[in-house]
Protein backbone atom coordinates (compact mmCIF):
# COMPACT_ATOMS: atom_id res chain seq x y z
CA MET A 1 -0.10 0.09 0.18
CA ALA A 2 1.32 3.27 -0.83
CA PRO A 3 2.60 5.34 1.85
CA GLN A 4 0.13 8.50 2.61
CA VAL A 5 0.55 12.06 4.14
CA GLY A 6 0.34 11.47 8.11
CA ASP A 7 2.24 7.98 7.30
CA LEU A 8 5.55 7.28 9.70
CA ALA A 9 8.05 7.89 6.78
CA PRO A 10 9.40 3.95 5.93
CA ASP A 11 13.24 3.59 7.69
CA PHE A 12 15.68 2.98 5.35
CA THR A 13 19.68 2.03 5.83
CA LEU A 14 21.30 2.70 2.01
CA PRO A 15 25.10 3.38 0.70
CA ASP A 16 25.83 6.58 -0.10
CA GLN A 17 28.18 7.66 -3.03
CA SER A 18 30.96 6.36 -0.26
CA GLY A 19 29.73 3.40 0.68
CA THR A 20 28.75 4.96 4.09
CA SER A 21 26.06 3.59 5.54
CA VAL A 22 23.16 6.61 5.56
CA SER A 23 19.60 5.62 7.67
CA LEU A 24 16.58 8.07 7.62
CA SER A 25 16.83 7.31 11.28
CA GLN A 26 19.80 9.60 12.19
CA PHE A 27 17.82 12.18 11.05
CA ARG A 28 15.15 12.27 12.95
CA GLY A 29 14.40 15.99 14.54
CA GLN A 30 15.13 17.70 10.75
CA ARG A 31 13.21 17.65 7.64
CA VAL A 32 14.26 15.75 5.11
CA VAL A 33 13.39 15.25 1.09
CA ILE A 34 13.83 12.19 -0.53
CA TYR A 35 13.37 12.12 -4.55
CA PHE A 36 13.39 8.89 -6.32
CA TYR A 37 15.51 9.10 -9.78
CA PRO A 38 15.66 6.57 -12.72
CA LYS A 39 19.72 7.02 -13.34
CA ASP A 40 22.72 9.17 -12.84
CA ASP A 41 23.30 11.89 -15.70
CA THR A 42 20.54 11.05 -17.58
CA PRO A 43 18.40 14.58 -18.65
CA GLY A 44 15.87 14.59 -16.51
CA CYS A 45 17.55 13.36 -13.67
CA THR A 46 20.38 15.78 -14.49
CA LYS A 47 17.50 19.13 -14.62
CA GLU A 48 16.21 17.68 -11.32
CA ALA A 49 19.39 16.88 -9.15
CA CYS A 50 20.67 20.89 -11.19
CA ASN A 51 17.14 21.95 -9.38
CA PHE A 52 18.11 20.91 -6.20
CA ARG A 53 21.43 22.25 -6.37
CA ASP A 54 20.28 25.79 -7.44
CA GLN A 55 18.30 26.08 -4.42
CA TRP A 56 20.97 24.32 -2.11
CA SER A 57 21.26 27.43 0.00
CA LEU A 58 17.86 27.60 1.12
CA PHE A 59 18.03 23.97 1.71
CA GLU A 60 20.68 24.57 3.99
CA GLN A 61 19.29 27.95 5.50
CA HIS A 62 16.76 25.62 6.59
CA ASN A 63 18.03 22.68 7.95
CA ILE A 64 16.71 20.62 5.53
CA VAL A 65 18.84 17.22 4.65
CA VAL A 66 18.51 16.44 0.60
CA LEU A 67 18.45 12.87 -0.40
CA GLY A 68 18.67 11.49 -4.05
CA ILE A 69 17.64 7.66 -4.40
CA SER A 70 18.46 5.32 -7.55
CA LYS A 71 19.57 1.64 -8.04
CA ASP A 72 23.06 3.38 -9.49
CA GLY A 73 25.86 2.43 -7.53
CA ALA A 74 28.52 4.89 -5.70
CA THR A 75 31.04 4.89 -8.27
CA SER A 76 28.02 6.74 -10.49
CA HIS A 77 26.58 8.73 -8.15
CA GLY A 78 30.24 9.92 -7.49
CA LYS A 79 31.01 10.70 -11.07
CA PHE A 80 27.04 12.72 -11.56
CA ILE A 81 28.11 14.83 -7.84
CA SER A 82 31.78 15.61 -9.24
CA LYS A 83 30.45 16.61 -13.01
CA HIS A 84 27.24 18.60 -11.55
CA ASN A 85 29.26 19.93 -8.00
CA LEU A 86 26.01 18.25 -6.50
CA PRO A 87 25.77 19.38 -2.59
CA PHE A 88 23.82 16.33 -1.32
CA THR A 89 23.71 12.86 -0.75
CA LEU A 90 22.92 9.90 -3.51
CA LEU A 91 21.48 6.39 -2.33
CA THR A 92 21.69 3.15 -3.64
CA ASP A 93 18.45 1.39 -3.70
CA ALA A 94 19.84 -1.75 -5.45
CA GLU A 95 17.71 -4.55 -6.87
CA PRO A 96 14.77 -4.90 -6.34
CA CYS A 97 14.78 -1.86 -5.01
CA PRO A 98 13.20 -2.24 -1.22
CA VAL A 99 13.39 1.17 -0.52
CA ALA A 100 11.76 2.49 -3.48
CA SER A 101 9.69 -0.65 -3.32
CA ALA A 102 8.19 0.74 0.42
CA TYR A 103 7.34 4.74 -0.58
CA ASP A 104 5.54 2.52 -3.94
CA SER A 105 8.27 4.38 -6.07
CA TYR A 106 9.51 1.08 -7.62
CA GLY A 107 7.16 -1.09 -10.51
CA LEU A 108 6.15 -1.47 -14.02
CA LYS A 109 6.93 1.51 -16.45
CA LYS A 110 6.71 2.31 -20.17
CA PHE A 111 9.26 3.41 -22.28
CA MET A 112 8.93 3.71 -25.96
CA GLY A 113 6.32 0.20 -26.25
CA ARG A 114 8.75 -1.42 -23.97
CA GLU A 115 7.39 -2.17 -20.63
CA TYR A 116 10.43 -2.95 -17.43
CA MET A 117 10.40 -2.49 -13.98
CA GLY A 118 12.39 0.80 -12.95
CA MET A 119 12.30 3.72 -10.32
CA MET A 120 9.47 6.31 -10.44
CA ARG A 121 10.63 9.72 -10.17
CA HIS A 122 8.71 10.70 -6.63
CA SER A 123 9.44 12.84 -4.63
CA PHE A 124 8.88 13.14 -0.29
CA VAL A 125 8.77 15.59 2.37
CA ILE A 126 9.68 13.97 5.49
CA ASP A 127 8.75 16.31 8.82
CA ALA A 128 11.47 16.15 11.90
CA ASP A 129 8.97 13.64 13.86
CA GLY A 130 9.52 11.05 10.86
CA ARG A 131 6.28 11.51 9.33
CA LEU A 132 5.08 11.89 5.36
CA GLU A 133 4.95 16.16 5.03
CA HIS A 134 4.03 15.85 1.35
CA ILE A 135 4.21 13.54 -1.80
CA TYR A 136 5.16 14.23 -5.11
CA THR A 137 4.07 11.59 -8.15
CA LYS A 138 3.79 13.87 -10.27
CA VAL A 139 7.01 15.20 -10.80
CA LYS A 140 8.45 18.02 -12.97
CA ALA A 141 12.35 17.43 -12.90
CA GLU A 142 13.50 20.16 -13.50
CA THR A 143 10.96 22.35 -11.04
CA MET A 144 10.98 20.00 -7.93
CA ALA A 145 13.33 21.68 -5.82
CA ASP A 146 11.35 24.74 -6.27
CA GLN A 147 8.00 23.17 -5.91
CA VAL A 148 9.18 21.41 -2.24
CA LEU A 149 9.92 25.49 -1.33
CA ASP A 150 6.72 26.90 -2.51
CA ASP A 151 5.41 24.03 -0.29
CA LEU A 152 7.07 24.46 2.76
CA GLY A 153 7.13 28.83 2.42
CA LEU A 154 10.34 28.86 2.12
CA THR A 155 10.56 31.41 -1.16
């Protein structure tokens, strides 16, 4: 069942771009934005990551953690971060993508007539108590960070 606003966000521990384990629970007391995206350094995913990068000062100013999650491994994440100067953490949710599945963000996709299992472009805002505050399932990659900041009244 898909998580709903007000639910406790499913906790997880995943490796970051350096191979260090990162747990959602370690950020209790802070607001967290999690965004699931299909693949490092592809057009839409790059626009989304760069929008978060370009708004980073506002997220940082309000002590908001940003975590990007895809199936890509640490090496790919490291290159993506370096190439686009991303100031936030990217996490690896490897097949069968248990974290994305817990957030109802992994499933059957269609592309050019082909069906496959993949990561959905969904975003979540988690409040300081660990509850889902906002859920975005219709994401515009190039303005996702702007949308989050607007919805939180921080722009």
